PDB file of all heavy atoms in Angstrom:
ATOM      1  N   ILE A   1      17.116  -2.229  14.316  1.00  0.00           N
ATOM      2  CA  ILE A   1      17.831  -3.051  15.307  1.00  0.00           C
ATOM      3  C   ILE A   1      19.262  -2.580  15.494  1.00  0.00           C
ATOM      4  O   ILE A   1      19.756  -2.553  16.638  1.00  0.00           O
ATOM      5  CB  ILE A   1      17.797  -4.495  14.799  1.00  0.00           C
ATOM      6  CG1 ILE A   1      16.367  -5.109  14.918  1.00  0.00           C
ATOM      7  CG2 ILE A   1      18.826  -5.456  15.434  1.00  0.00           C
ATOM      8  CD1 ILE A   1      16.170  -6.476  14.368  1.00  0.00           C
ATOM      9  N   ASP A   2      19.876  -2.182  14.405  1.00  0.00           N
ATOM     10  CA  ASP A   2      21.260  -1.597  14.608  1.00  0.00           C
ATOM     11  C   ASP A   2      21.302  -0.359  15.461  1.00  0.00           C
ATOM     12  O   ASP A   2      22.172  -0.219  16.260  1.00  0.00           O
ATOM     13  CB  ASP A   2      21.848  -1.283  13.193  1.00  0.00           C
ATOM     14  CG  ASP A   2      22.414  -2.468  12.492  1.00  0.00           C
ATOM     15  OD1 ASP A   2      22.609  -3.574  13.151  1.00  0.00           O
ATOM     16  OD2 ASP A   2      22.656  -2.420  11.272  1.00  0.00           O
ATOM     17  N   LYS A   3      20.316   0.492  15.333  1.00  0.00           N
ATOM     18  CA  LYS A   3      20.232   1.698  16.142  1.00  0.00           C
ATOM     19  C   LYS A   3      19.946   1.393  17.584  1.00  0.00           C
ATOM     20  O   LYS A   3      20.583   1.968  18.488  1.00  0.00           O
ATOM     21  CB  LYS A   3      19.127   2.673  15.650  1.00  0.00           C
ATOM     22  CG  LYS A   3      19.505   3.407  14.385  1.00  0.00           C
ATOM     23  CD  LYS A   3      20.619   4.395  14.726  1.00  0.00           C
ATOM     24  CE  LYS A   3      20.946   5.196  13.500  1.00  0.00           C
ATOM     25  NZ  LYS A   3      22.037   6.015  13.646  1.00  0.00           N
ATOM     26  N   LEU A   4      19.057   0.408  17.875  1.00  0.00           N
ATOM     27  CA  LEU A   4      18.713   0.111  19.231  1.00  0.00           C
ATOM     28  C   LEU A   4      19.708  -0.715  19.885  1.00  0.00           C
ATOM     29  O   LEU A   4      20.063  -0.568  21.105  1.00  0.00           O
ATOM     30  CB  LEU A   4      17.356  -0.560  19.263  1.00  0.00           C
ATOM     31  CG  LEU A   4      16.100   0.226  18.844  1.00  0.00           C
ATOM     32  CD1 LEU A   4      14.798  -0.605  18.826  1.00  0.00           C
ATOM     33  CD2 LEU A   4      16.002   1.488  19.743  1.00  0.00           C
ATOM     34  N   ALA A   5      20.321  -1.693  19.213  1.00  0.00           N
ATOM     35  CA  ALA A   5      21.238  -2.662  19.830  1.00  0.00           C
ATOM     36  C   ALA A   5      22.662  -2.282  19.613  1.00  0.00           C
ATOM     37  O   ALA A   5      23.605  -2.836  20.259  1.00  0.00           O
ATOM     38  CB  ALA A   5      20.922  -4.094  19.328  1.00  0.00           C
ATOM     39  N   GLY A   6      22.969  -1.416  18.731  1.00  0.00           N
ATOM     40  CA  GLY A   6      24.360  -0.950  18.509  1.00  0.00           C
ATOM     41  C   GLY A   6      25.130  -2.010  17.748  1.00  0.00           C
ATOM     42  O   GLY A   6      26.391  -2.159  17.996  1.00  0.00           O
ATOM     43  N   THR A   7      24.544  -2.794  16.934  1.00  0.00           N
ATOM     44  CA  THR A   7      25.214  -3.884  16.206  1.00  0.00           C
ATOM     45  C   THR A   7      25.537  -3.569  14.789  1.00  0.00           C
ATOM     46  O   THR A   7      25.573  -4.449  13.903  1.00  0.00           O
ATOM     47  CB  THR A   7      24.311  -5.171  16.189  1.00  0.00           C
ATOM     48  OG1 THR A   7      23.065  -4.840  15.620  1.00  0.00           O
ATOM     49  CG2 THR A   7      24.104  -5.634  17.668  1.00  0.00           C
ATOM     50  N   SER A   8      25.698  -2.291  14.489  1.00  0.00           N
ATOM     51  CA  SER A   8      25.872  -1.834  13.147  1.00  0.00           C
ATOM     52  C   SER A   8      27.189  -2.528  12.493  1.00  0.00           C
ATOM     53  O   SER A   8      28.120  -2.752  13.115  1.00  0.00           O
ATOM     54  CB  SER A   8      26.157  -0.297  13.173  1.00  0.00           C
ATOM     55  OG  SER A   8      26.242   0.172  11.880  1.00  0.00           O
ATOM     56  N   PRO A   9      27.123  -2.929  11.322  1.00  0.00           N
ATOM     57  CA  PRO A   9      26.092  -2.998  10.242  1.00  0.00           C
ATOM     58  C   PRO A   9      25.423  -4.389  10.122  1.00  0.00           C
ATOM     59  O   PRO A   9      24.764  -4.669   9.168  1.00  0.00           O
ATOM     60  CB  PRO A   9      26.932  -2.685   9.011  1.00  0.00           C
ATOM     61  CG  PRO A   9      28.202  -3.391   9.273  1.00  0.00           C
ATOM     62  CD  PRO A   9      28.443  -3.262  10.746  1.00  0.00           C
ATOM     63  N   TRP A  10      25.578  -5.220  11.185  1.00  0.00           N
ATOM     64  CA  TRP A  10      25.204  -6.663  10.968  1.00  0.00           C
ATOM     65  C   TRP A  10      23.686  -6.804  10.898  1.00  0.00           C
ATOM     66  O   TRP A  10      23.152  -7.619  10.100  1.00  0.00           O
ATOM     67  CB  TRP A  10      25.778  -7.461  12.085  1.00  0.00           C
ATOM     68  CG  TRP A  10      27.235  -7.517  11.932  1.00  0.00           C
ATOM     69  CD1 TRP A  10      28.185  -6.905  12.784  1.00  0.00           C
ATOM     70  CD2 TRP A  10      28.008  -8.123  10.863  1.00  0.00           C
ATOM     71  NE1 TRP A  10      29.462  -7.112  12.278  1.00  0.00           N
ATOM     72  CE2 TRP A  10      29.367  -7.918  11.150  1.00  0.00           C
ATOM     73  CE3 TRP A  10      27.665  -8.885   9.756  1.00  0.00           C
ATOM     74  CZ2 TRP A  10      30.399  -8.348  10.334  1.00  0.00           C
ATOM     75  CZ3 TRP A  10      28.681  -9.357   8.967  1.00  0.00           C
ATOM     76  CH2 TRP A  10      29.997  -9.107   9.267  1.00  0.00           C
ATOM     77  N   GLY A  11      22.890  -6.075  11.687  1.00  0.00           N
ATOM     78  CA  GLY A  11      21.488  -6.110  11.664  1.00  0.00           C
ATOM     79  C   GLY A  11      20.941  -5.688  10.313  1.00  0.00           C
ATOM     80  O   GLY A  11      20.043  -6.346   9.719  1.00  0.00           O
ATOM     81  N   LEU A  12      21.527  -4.621   9.802  1.00  0.00           N
ATOM     82  CA  LEU A  12      21.119  -4.140   8.384  1.00  0.00           C
ATOM     83  C   LEU A  12      21.406  -5.165   7.379  1.00  0.00           C
ATOM     84  O   LEU A  12      20.482  -5.459   6.523  1.00  0.00           O
ATOM     85  CB  LEU A  12      21.841  -2.841   8.157  1.00  0.00           C
ATOM     86  CG  LEU A  12      21.433  -2.128   6.853  1.00  0.00           C
ATOM     87  CD1 LEU A  12      20.023  -1.736   6.825  1.00  0.00           C
ATOM     88  CD2 LEU A  12      22.377  -1.003   6.558  1.00  0.00           C
ATOM     89  N   ILE A  13      22.593  -5.754   7.428  1.00  0.00           N
ATOM     90  CA  ILE A  13      22.928  -6.769   6.374  1.00  0.00           C
ATOM     91  C   ILE A  13      22.071  -7.952   6.439  1.00  0.00           C
ATOM     92  O   ILE A  13      21.523  -8.446   5.432  1.00  0.00           O
ATOM     93  CB  ILE A  13      24.406  -7.171   6.554  1.00  0.00           C
ATOM     94  CG1 ILE A  13      25.355  -5.940   6.202  1.00  0.00           C
ATOM     95  CG2 ILE A  13      24.791  -8.359   5.662  1.00  0.00           C
ATOM     96  CD1 ILE A  13      26.774  -6.163   6.539  1.00  0.00           C
ATOM     97  N   VAL A  14      21.807  -8.512   7.670  1.00  0.00           N
ATOM     98  CA  VAL A  14      21.026  -9.740   7.802  1.00  0.00           C
ATOM     99  C   VAL A  14      19.550  -9.477   7.372  1.00  0.00           C
ATOM    100  O   VAL A  14      18.990 -10.217   6.675  1.00  0.00           O
ATOM    101  CB  VAL A  14      21.109 -10.205   9.277  1.00  0.00           C
ATOM    102  CG1 VAL A  14      20.084 -11.303   9.490  1.00  0.00           C
ATOM    103  CG2 VAL A  14      22.498 -10.740   9.601  1.00  0.00           C
ATOM    104  N   PHE A  15      18.992  -8.378   7.868  1.00  0.00           N
ATOM    105  CA  PHE A  15      17.601  -8.125   7.519  1.00  0.00           C
ATOM    106  C   PHE A  15      17.401  -7.685   6.070  1.00  0.00           C
ATOM    107  O   PHE A  15      16.375  -7.867   5.497  1.00  0.00           O
ATOM    108  CB  PHE A  15      16.960  -7.193   8.524  1.00  0.00           C
ATOM    109  CG  PHE A  15      16.518  -7.839   9.773  1.00  0.00           C
ATOM    110  CD1 PHE A  15      17.369  -7.921  10.862  1.00  0.00           C
ATOM    111  CD2 PHE A  15      15.341  -8.430   9.826  1.00  0.00           C
ATOM    112  CE1 PHE A  15      17.018  -8.585  12.013  1.00  0.00           C
ATOM    113  CE2 PHE A  15      14.959  -9.130  10.963  1.00  0.00           C
ATOM    114  CZ  PHE A  15      15.852  -9.204  12.123  1.00  0.00           C
ATOM    115  N   LEU A  16      18.385  -7.065   5.476  1.00  0.00           N
ATOM    116  CA  LEU A  16      18.328  -6.698   4.038  1.00  0.00           C
ATOM    117  C   LEU A  16      18.223  -8.036   3.269  1.00  0.00           C
ATOM    118  O   LEU A  16      17.491  -8.111   2.314  1.00  0.00           O
ATOM    119  CB  LEU A  16      19.513  -5.903   3.643  1.00  0.00           C
ATOM    120  CG  LEU A  16      19.631  -5.575   2.134  1.00  0.00           C
ATOM    121  CD1 LEU A  16      18.506  -4.685   1.745  1.00  0.00           C
ATOM    122  CD2 LEU A  16      20.987  -4.969   1.828  1.00  0.00           C
ATOM    123  N   LEU A  17      19.119  -8.977   3.608  1.00  0.00           N
ATOM    124  CA  LEU A  17      19.052 -10.298   2.902  1.00  0.00           C
ATOM    125  C   LEU A  17      17.714 -10.946   3.166  1.00  0.00           C
ATOM    126  O   LEU A  17      17.149 -11.599   2.231  1.00  0.00           O
ATOM    127  CB  LEU A  17      20.139 -11.159   3.353  1.00  0.00           C
ATOM    128  CG  LEU A  17      21.618 -10.695   2.857  1.00  0.00           C
ATOM    129  CD1 LEU A  17      22.682 -11.532   3.442  1.00  0.00           C
ATOM    130  CD2 LEU A  17      21.722 -10.717   1.331  1.00  0.00           C
ATOM    131  N   LEU A  18      17.227 -10.931   4.405  1.00  0.00           N
ATOM    132  CA  LEU A  18      15.928 -11.533   4.680  1.00  0.00           C
ATOM    133  C   LEU A  18      14.750 -10.850   3.896  1.00  0.00           C
ATOM    134  O   LEU A  18      13.879 -11.486   3.451  1.00  0.00           O
ATOM    135  CB  LEU A  18      15.648 -11.533   6.175  1.00  0.00           C
ATOM    136  CG  LEU A  18      16.409 -12.509   7.083  1.00  0.00           C
ATOM    137  CD1 LEU A  18      16.122 -12.231   8.486  1.00  0.00           C
ATOM    138  CD2 LEU A  18      16.114 -13.941   6.642  1.00  0.00           C
ATOM    139  N   GLY A  19      14.839  -9.497   3.834  1.00  0.00           N
ATOM    140  CA  GLY A  19      13.867  -8.758   3.082  1.00  0.00           C
ATOM    141  C   GLY A  19      13.945  -9.104   1.509  1.00  0.00           C
ATOM    142  O   GLY A  19      12.929  -9.208   0.938  1.00  0.00           O
ATOM    143  N   PHE A  20      15.115  -9.343   1.060  1.00  0.00           N
ATOM    144  CA  PHE A  20      15.237  -9.735  -0.388  1.00  0.00           C
ATOM    145  C   PHE A  20      14.633 -11.075  -0.566  1.00  0.00           C
ATOM    146  O   PHE A  20      13.837 -11.286  -1.538  1.00  0.00           O
ATOM    147  CB  PHE A  20      16.744  -9.811  -0.755  1.00  0.00           C
ATOM    148  CG  PHE A  20      17.011 -10.229  -2.158  1.00  0.00           C
ATOM    149  CD1 PHE A  20      16.871  -9.385  -3.232  1.00  0.00           C
ATOM    150  CD2 PHE A  20      17.350 -11.540  -2.446  1.00  0.00           C
ATOM    151  CE1 PHE A  20      17.059  -9.751  -4.515  1.00  0.00           C
ATOM    152  CE2 PHE A  20      17.547 -11.966  -3.721  1.00  0.00           C
ATOM    153  CZ  PHE A  20      17.364 -11.067  -4.758  1.00  0.00           C
ATOM    154  N   CYS A  21      14.828 -11.998   0.321  1.00  0.00           N
ATOM    155  CA  CYS A  21      14.219 -13.362   0.261  1.00  0.00           C
ATOM    156  C   CYS A  21      12.700 -13.266   0.344  1.00  0.00           C
ATOM    157  O   CYS A  21      11.958 -13.893  -0.462  1.00  0.00           O
ATOM    158  CB  CYS A  21      14.857 -14.283   1.301  1.00  0.00           C
ATOM    159  SG  CYS A  21      16.511 -14.682   1.048  1.00  0.00           S
ATOM    160  N   ALA A  22      12.233 -12.466   1.271  1.00  0.00           N
ATOM    161  CA  ALA A  22      10.786 -12.254   1.438  1.00  0.00           C
ATOM    162  C   ALA A  22      10.178 -11.589   0.122  1.00  0.00           C
ATOM    163  O   ALA A  22       9.107 -11.994  -0.292  1.00  0.00           O
ATOM    164  CB  ALA A  22      10.495 -11.406   2.602  1.00  0.00           C
ATOM    165  N   GLY A  23      10.877 -10.661  -0.438  1.00  0.00           N
ATOM    166  CA  GLY A  23      10.396 -10.096  -1.718  1.00  0.00           C
ATOM    167  C   GLY A  23      10.359 -11.089  -2.850  1.00  0.00           C
ATOM    168  O   GLY A  23       9.407 -11.082  -3.594  1.00  0.00           O
ATOM    169  N   VAL A  24      11.360 -11.899  -2.978  1.00  0.00           N
ATOM    170  CA  VAL A  24      11.348 -12.924  -4.038  1.00  0.00           C
ATOM    171  C   VAL A  24      10.252 -13.948  -3.746  1.00  0.00           C
ATOM    172  O   VAL A  24       9.492 -14.274  -4.718  1.00  0.00           O
ATOM    173  CB  VAL A  24      12.703 -13.640  -4.109  1.00  0.00           C
ATOM    174  CG1 VAL A  24      12.640 -14.939  -4.971  1.00  0.00           C
ATOM    175  CG2 VAL A  24      13.799 -12.746  -4.602  1.00  0.00           C
ATOM    176  N   LEU A  25       9.992 -14.315  -2.550  1.00  0.00           N
ATOM    177  CA  LEU A  25       8.892 -15.214  -2.158  1.00  0.00           C
ATOM    178  C   LEU A  25       7.522 -14.569  -2.510  1.00  0.00           C
ATOM    179  O   LEU A  25       6.681 -15.245  -3.099  1.00  0.00           O
ATOM    180  CB  LEU A  25       8.986 -15.605  -0.728  1.00  0.00           C
ATOM    181  CG  LEU A  25       7.963 -16.650  -0.287  1.00  0.00           C
ATOM    182  CD1 LEU A  25       8.246 -17.994  -0.979  1.00  0.00           C
ATOM    183  CD2 LEU A  25       8.081 -16.795   1.237  1.00  0.00           C
ATOM    184  N   ASN A  26       7.353 -13.328  -2.283  1.00  0.00           N
ATOM    185  CA  ASN A  26       6.098 -12.641  -2.536  1.00  0.00           C
ATOM    186  C   ASN A  26       5.825 -12.584  -4.057  1.00  0.00           C
ATOM    187  O   ASN A  26       4.742 -12.756  -4.555  1.00  0.00           O
ATOM    188  CB  ASN A  26       6.101 -11.259  -1.963  1.00  0.00           C
ATOM    189  CG  ASN A  26       5.843 -11.218  -0.517  1.00  0.00           C
ATOM    190  OD1 ASN A  26       5.338 -12.194   0.022  1.00  0.00           O
ATOM    191  ND2 ASN A  26       6.244 -10.166   0.164  1.00  0.00           N
ATOM    192  N   VAL A  27       6.903 -12.373  -4.785  1.00  0.00           N
ATOM    193  CA  VAL A  27       6.753 -12.307  -6.322  1.00  0.00           C
ATOM    194  C   VAL A  27       6.419 -13.664  -6.834  1.00  0.00           C
ATOM    195  O   VAL A  27       5.560 -13.735  -7.756  1.00  0.00           O
ATOM    196  CB  VAL A  27       8.110 -11.788  -6.913  1.00  0.00           C
ATOM    197  CG1 VAL A  27       8.162 -12.026  -8.405  1.00  0.00           C
ATOM    198  CG2 VAL A  27       8.265 -10.319  -6.629  1.00  0.00           C
ATOM    199  N   LEU A  28       7.093 -14.719  -6.340  1.00  0.00           N
ATOM    200  CA  LEU A  28       6.744 -16.064  -6.765  1.00  0.00           C
ATOM    201  C   LEU A  28       5.303 -16.470  -6.412  1.00  0.00           C
ATOM    202  O   LEU A  28       4.558 -17.102  -7.168  1.00  0.00           O
ATOM    203  CB  LEU A  28       7.711 -17.055  -6.242  1.00  0.00           C
ATOM    204  CG  LEU A  28       9.095 -16.933  -6.802  1.00  0.00           C
ATOM    205  CD1 LEU A  28      10.015 -17.924  -6.013  1.00  0.00           C
ATOM    206  CD2 LEU A  28       9.174 -17.182  -8.260  1.00  0.00           C
ATOM    207  N   ARG A  29       4.839 -16.036  -5.277  1.00  0.00           N
ATOM    208  CA  ARG A  29       3.421 -16.320  -4.875  1.00  0.00           C
ATOM    209  C   ARG A  29       2.455 -15.522  -5.795  1.00  0.00           C
ATOM    210  O   ARG A  29       1.430 -16.091  -6.196  1.00  0.00           O
ATOM    211  CB  ARG A  29       3.214 -15.962  -3.408  1.00  0.00           C
ATOM    212  CG  ARG A  29       3.713 -16.900  -2.452  1.00  0.00           C
ATOM    213  CD  ARG A  29       3.373 -16.534  -1.009  1.00  0.00           C
ATOM    214  NE  ARG A  29       3.985 -17.474  -0.116  1.00  0.00           N
ATOM    215  CZ  ARG A  29       4.290 -17.125   1.161  1.00  0.00           C
ATOM    216  NH1 ARG A  29       3.941 -15.943   1.557  1.00  0.00           N
ATOM    217  NH2 ARG A  29       4.822 -17.994   1.938  1.00  0.00           N
ATOM    218  N   SER A  30       2.709 -14.287  -6.085  1.00  0.00           N
ATOM    219  CA  SER A  30       1.851 -13.504  -6.914  1.00  0.00           C
ATOM    220  C   SER A  30       1.788 -14.027  -8.334  1.00  0.00           C
ATOM    221  O   SER A  30       0.764 -14.059  -8.993  1.00  0.00           O
ATOM    222  CB  SER A  30       2.337 -12.032  -6.949  1.00  0.00           C
ATOM    223  OG  SER A  30       2.113 -11.465  -5.780  1.00  0.00           O
ATOM    224  N   ALA A  31       2.986 -14.523  -8.813  1.00  0.00           N
ATOM    225  CA  ALA A  31       2.986 -15.170 -10.207  1.00  0.00           C
ATOM    226  C   ALA A  31       2.361 -16.504 -10.242  1.00  0.00           C
ATOM    227  O   ALA A  31       2.178 -17.036 -11.302  1.00  0.00           O
ATOM    228  CB  ALA A  31       4.472 -15.093 -10.667  1.00  0.00           C
ATOM    229  N   GLY A  32       2.025 -17.090  -9.080  1.00  0.00           N
ATOM    230  CA  GLY A  32       1.432 -18.417  -9.104  1.00  0.00           C
ATOM    231  C   GLY A  32       2.447 -19.520  -9.151  1.00  0.00           C
ATOM    232  O   GLY A  32       2.042 -20.696  -9.524  1.00  0.00           O
ATOM    233  N   LEU A  33       3.698 -19.276  -9.018  1.00  0.00           N
ATOM    234  CA  LEU A  33       4.681 -20.279  -9.158  1.00  0.00           C
ATOM    235  C   LEU A  33       4.885 -21.123  -7.841  1.00  0.00           C
ATOM    236  O   LEU A  33       5.459 -22.227  -7.908  1.00  0.00           O
ATOM    237  CB  LEU A  33       6.051 -19.688  -9.570  1.00  0.00           C
ATOM    238  CG  LEU A  33       5.979 -19.003 -10.958  1.00  0.00           C
ATOM    239  CD1 LEU A  33       7.375 -18.350 -11.216  1.00  0.00           C
ATOM    240  CD2 LEU A  33       5.610 -19.944 -12.067  1.00  0.00           C
ATOM    241  N   ILE A  34       4.404 -20.553  -6.697  1.00  0.00           N
ATOM    242  CA  ILE A  34       4.423 -21.222  -5.464  1.00  0.00           C
ATOM    243  C   ILE A  34       3.012 -21.269  -4.970  1.00  0.00           C
ATOM    244  O   ILE A  34       2.316 -20.266  -4.905  1.00  0.00           O
ATOM    245  CB  ILE A  34       5.338 -20.564  -4.471  1.00  0.00           C
ATOM    246  CG1 ILE A  34       6.790 -20.653  -4.906  1.00  0.00           C
ATOM    247  CG2 ILE A  34       5.225 -21.162  -3.085  1.00  0.00           C
ATOM    248  CD1 ILE A  34       7.714 -19.983  -4.013  1.00  0.00           C
ATOM    249  N   ALA A  35       2.548 -22.519  -4.616  1.00  0.00           N
ATOM    250  CA  ALA A  35       1.219 -22.606  -4.087  1.00  0.00           C
ATOM    251  C   ALA A  35       1.074 -22.082  -2.600  1.00  0.00           C
ATOM    252  O   ALA A  35       2.041 -22.244  -1.834  1.00  0.00           O
ATOM    253  CB  ALA A  35       0.758 -24.075  -4.070  1.00  0.00           C
ATOM    254  N   VAL A  36       0.087 -21.463  -2.264  1.00  0.00           N
ATOM    255  CA  VAL A  36      -0.130 -20.832  -0.979  1.00  0.00           C
ATOM    256  C   VAL A  36      -0.822 -21.888  -0.179  1.00  0.00           C
ATOM    257  O   VAL A  36      -1.847 -22.550  -0.580  1.00  0.00           O
ATOM    258  CB  VAL A  36      -1.036 -19.591  -1.010  1.00  0.00           C
ATOM    259  CG1 VAL A  36      -1.273 -19.026   0.310  1.00  0.00           C
ATOM    260  CG2 VAL A  36      -0.407 -18.638  -1.963  1.00  0.00           C
ATOM    261  N   SER A  37      -0.394 -22.193   1.017  1.00  0.00           N
ATOM    262  CA  SER A  37      -0.915 -23.221   1.835  1.00  0.00           C
ATOM    263  C   SER A  37      -2.312 -22.818   2.376  1.00  0.00           C
ATOM    264  O   SER A  37      -2.646 -21.649   2.427  1.00  0.00           O
ATOM    265  CB  SER A  37       0.050 -23.483   3.086  1.00  0.00           C
ATOM    266  OG  SER A  37       0.002 -22.485   3.987  1.00  0.00           O
TER     267      SER A  37
END
């Protein structure tokens, strides 16, 4: 997104944080600590 839109470094920062949250959510689902709908 940063390369295409020229918004460096904001796209990288925002999506890095979103990726971190998604990774934590995946770990919690795999561990069975969050029920899958």
